[in-house]
Protein backbone atom coordinates (compact mmCIF):
# COMPACT_ATOMS: atom_id res chain seq x y z
CA MET A 1 -7.97 15.04 133.15
CA PRO A 2 -5.19 17.20 131.34
CA LEU A 3 -4.77 20.24 132.85
CA GLU A 4 -1.52 22.03 131.25
CA TRP A 5 1.58 21.61 130.58
CA VAL A 6 4.61 22.01 133.48
CA ASP A 7 8.19 22.34 133.13
CA TYR A 8 10.52 20.03 135.32
CA GLN A 9 11.38 22.19 137.37
CA GLU A 10 7.59 22.67 138.21
CA ALA A 11 7.45 18.93 137.98
CA ALA A 12 10.27 18.45 140.44
CA ARG A 13 8.04 20.75 143.01
CA LEU A 14 5.28 18.87 142.79
CA TYR A 15 7.21 16.00 143.71
CA TYR A 16 8.70 17.37 146.17
CA LEU A 17 5.43 19.03 147.97
CA GLU A 18 4.30 15.08 147.87
CA GLN A 19 1.61 16.50 145.37
CA VAL A 20 2.02 13.68 142.64
CA VAL A 21 -0.85 11.12 143.02
CA TYR A 22 1.12 8.71 139.78
CA SER A 23 3.07 9.44 136.87
CA VAL A 24 2.82 7.51 133.79
CA GLY A 25 4.71 7.72 130.47
CA ARG A 26 8.65 7.43 130.12
CA ARG A 27 11.13 8.73 132.33
CA LEU A 28 12.17 12.22 130.92
CA TYR A 29 14.16 13.12 133.34
CA ARG A 30 16.05 12.19 136.53
CA ILE A 31 17.75 14.62 138.78
CA TRP A 32 20.34 14.96 141.06
CA GLY A 33 20.30 15.96 144.56
CA GLY A 34 22.68 15.84 147.38
CA PHE A 35 24.25 12.71 149.49
CA ASN A 36 22.70 11.20 152.49
CA ALA A 37 25.44 11.21 155.50
CA ARG A 38 24.39 8.67 156.90
CA THR A 39 24.37 6.25 153.95
CA GLY A 40 26.29 7.53 151.71
CA LEU A 41 24.03 7.52 149.10
CA ARG A 42 22.54 10.42 146.28
CA SER A 43 19.32 11.30 145.85
CA HIS A 44 17.31 11.19 142.36
CA LEU A 45 14.16 12.29 141.40
CA ASP A 46 12.33 10.70 138.08
CA LEU A 47 10.28 13.19 136.34
CA HIS A 48 7.60 11.55 133.85
CA SER A 49 6.01 12.76 130.73
CA ILE A 50 2.67 12.45 132.84
CA VAL A 51 1.83 13.27 136.17
CA ALA A 52 -1.19 13.23 138.41
CA THR A 53 -1.77 15.26 141.05
CA GLU A 54 -4.57 16.51 143.62
CA GLY A 55 -6.40 19.41 142.97
CA ALA A 56 -9.93 18.23 142.74
CA ARG A 57 -10.84 22.36 142.43
CA GLN A 58 -8.85 23.20 139.62
CA ALA A 59 -10.14 20.10 137.75
CA ARG A 60 -13.60 20.11 138.05
CA PHE A 61 -13.43 24.37 136.67
CA LYS A 62 -11.37 23.14 133.42
CA GLY A 63 -13.56 19.59 132.92
CA ARG A 64 -17.40 21.47 133.42
CA PRO A 65 -19.47 21.24 130.82
CA GLY A 66 -19.55 25.01 130.37
CA TYR A 67 -15.44 26.17 130.70
CA ILE A 68 -14.33 27.65 127.12
CA PRO A 69 -10.49 27.70 126.69
CA PRO A 70 -9.53 31.00 126.39
CA LEU A 71 -9.23 32.39 122.91
CA ASN A 72 -6.18 33.58 120.86
CA ASN A 73 -4.86 33.82 117.42
CA GLN A 74 -2.24 31.00 118.36
CA THR A 75 -4.32 28.37 118.84
CA LEU A 76 -6.86 29.27 116.97
CA PHE A 77 -4.40 28.79 113.57
CA ARG A 78 -3.60 25.55 114.73
CA ARG A 79 -6.82 24.65 115.94
CA ASP A 80 -7.44 25.19 111.59
CA ASP A 81 -4.31 23.79 111.37
CA HIS A 82 -2.74 26.99 109.46
CA PHE A 83 -6.24 26.31 106.53
CA CYS A 84 -7.61 29.21 105.09
CA LEU A 85 -11.15 28.36 105.64
CA TYR A 86 -12.03 30.51 102.36
CA CYS A 87 -9.76 29.39 100.19
CA GLY A 88 -8.32 26.07 102.07
CA ASP A 89 -3.99 27.25 101.15
CA ARG A 90 -2.25 26.19 104.11
CA PHE A 91 -0.32 29.83 105.42
CA PRO A 92 2.37 31.09 108.07
CA ASP A 93 0.83 32.86 111.14
CA ARG A 94 2.39 35.93 109.64
CA LEU A 95 -0.32 35.68 106.61
CA LEU A 96 -3.66 34.19 108.57
CA SER A 97 -5.87 36.72 110.36
CA ARG A 98 -8.63 35.85 112.03
CA ASP A 99 -11.93 35.98 110.33
CA HIS A 100 -15.28 36.62 112.35
CA VAL A 101 -17.75 34.47 110.28
CA THR A 102 -20.66 36.67 111.63
CA PRO A 103 -19.12 39.56 111.13
CA VAL A 104 -18.80 41.87 114.66
CA ALA A 105 -20.44 45.28 112.59
CA GLN A 106 -23.56 42.97 111.98
CA GLY A 107 -23.53 41.45 115.98
CA GLY A 108 -21.43 38.67 115.62
CA ALA A 109 -19.20 37.92 118.66
CA ASP A 110 -15.69 37.12 119.59
CA HIS A 111 -16.06 33.15 120.15
CA TRP A 112 -14.37 30.19 119.24
CA ASN A 113 -17.87 29.32 117.02
CA ASN A 114 -17.93 32.30 115.24
CA LEU A 115 -14.24 33.02 114.51
CA VAL A 116 -12.28 30.81 111.33
CA THR A 117 -8.72 31.00 110.22
CA ALA A 118 -8.06 32.99 107.10
CA CYS A 119 -5.75 34.36 104.66
CA LYS A 120 -5.27 38.33 104.63
CA ARG A 121 -6.02 38.04 101.14
CA CYS A 122 -9.50 36.05 101.94
CA ASN A 123 -10.28 38.73 104.63
CA ASN A 124 -10.03 41.17 102.73
CA HIS A 125 -12.12 40.03 100.37
CA LYS A 126 -14.87 39.14 102.24
CA GLY A 127 -15.03 42.70 104.83
CA ALA A 128 -17.77 42.76 106.59
CA ARG A 129 -20.21 40.34 105.31
CA THR A 130 -20.86 37.19 106.09
CA PRO A 131 -19.61 34.11 103.73
CA GLU A 132 -22.92 33.92 101.67
CA GLU A 133 -23.06 37.87 101.28
CA ALA A 134 -19.59 37.51 99.86
CA GLY A 135 -19.82 34.70 97.74
CA MET A 136 -17.88 32.33 99.78
CA GLU A 137 -17.76 28.79 100.99
CA LEU A 138 -16.96 28.34 104.50
CA LEU A 139 -14.65 24.69 104.45
CA ALA A 140 -15.03 23.55 107.66
CA VAL A 141 -17.30 23.90 110.72
CA PRO A 142 -15.18 26.05 113.62
CA PHE A 143 -15.91 24.54 116.67
CA THR A 144 -14.76 25.06 120.37
CA PRO A 145 -12.20 22.98 121.62
CA THR A 146 -12.72 21.04 124.79
CA HIS A 147 -10.34 21.73 127.50
CA ALA A 148 -7.91 18.46 126.65
CA GLU A 149 -8.10 19.48 123.00
CA TYR A 150 -7.03 23.19 124.05
CA VAL A 151 -3.86 21.68 126.10
CA TYR A 152 -3.22 20.08 122.77
CA LEU A 153 -3.35 23.37 120.49
CA GLN A 154 -1.27 25.38 122.75
CA GLY A 155 1.48 24.04 120.60
CA ARG A 156 4.16 22.52 122.90
CA ARG A 157 6.20 19.31 121.29
CA ILE A 158 4.24 16.49 122.31
CA LEU A 159 5.57 12.81 122.62
CA ALA A 160 3.45 10.40 121.93
CA ASP A 161 2.64 8.87 125.37
CA GLN A 162 1.44 12.60 125.59
CA MET A 163 -0.55 12.50 122.62
CA GLU A 164 -2.21 9.28 123.61
CA PHE A 165 -3.30 10.42 127.15
CA LEU A 166 -4.91 13.50 125.71
CA ARG A 167 -6.56 12.03 122.53
CA ALA A 168 -7.97 9.37 125.40
CA HIS A 169 -9.80 12.82 126.15
CA PHE A 170 -10.77 14.54 123.39
CA PRO A 171 -14.87 13.97 122.03
CA ARG A 172 -15.22 11.45 119.80
CA THR A 173 -16.15 13.30 116.85
CA SER A 174 -13.27 16.08 117.24
CA PRO A 175 -11.48 16.68 114.11
CA LEU A 176 -7.74 16.79 116.26
CA ARG A 177 -8.28 13.15 116.55
CA GLU A 178 -6.89 12.15 113.53
CA ARG A 179 -4.27 15.28 113.06
CA GLY A 180 -3.06 13.62 116.77
CA THR A 181 -2.73 10.58 114.79
CA ARG A 182 -1.00 12.45 112.24
CA TYR A 183 1.46 14.42 114.00
CA GLY A 184 2.16 12.37 116.86
């Protein structure tokens, strides 16, 4: 199960602590160490794009059915592919906002299933009303991403072998499946 992104220093630490069970994907880095006094050979560590570690407790936590990934605007905007889900136009982050489908003033929650990406113009027009009350149509249904989808949405550069690994953990009905193929 994909858990998180780690940099090459953290991956090297995991190898050193012998916590890597296996690795897949292509080799990204070769880190050189010192010379062995007895053999004269120089040590090295090959770091791959995907490493599997021991850590069942963390994997069970993030893989359980009730797990809800943390919510922030960056991942929300990426979930909706930077489209305003009211007018359908694509915008840069600075022109987007978080919109509550059921407004907070009407008891709406700050939750993935009640939030969509909206351009500032549409969000201001909608105000503290539901889309129906504002005469606006919602172009897609908001959803809570699984942990694998959330790892993808964190916005890192994803290599082809990493994307293939992540996509294998997306639900079959995930709207992100096609996007992963398109951008991967």
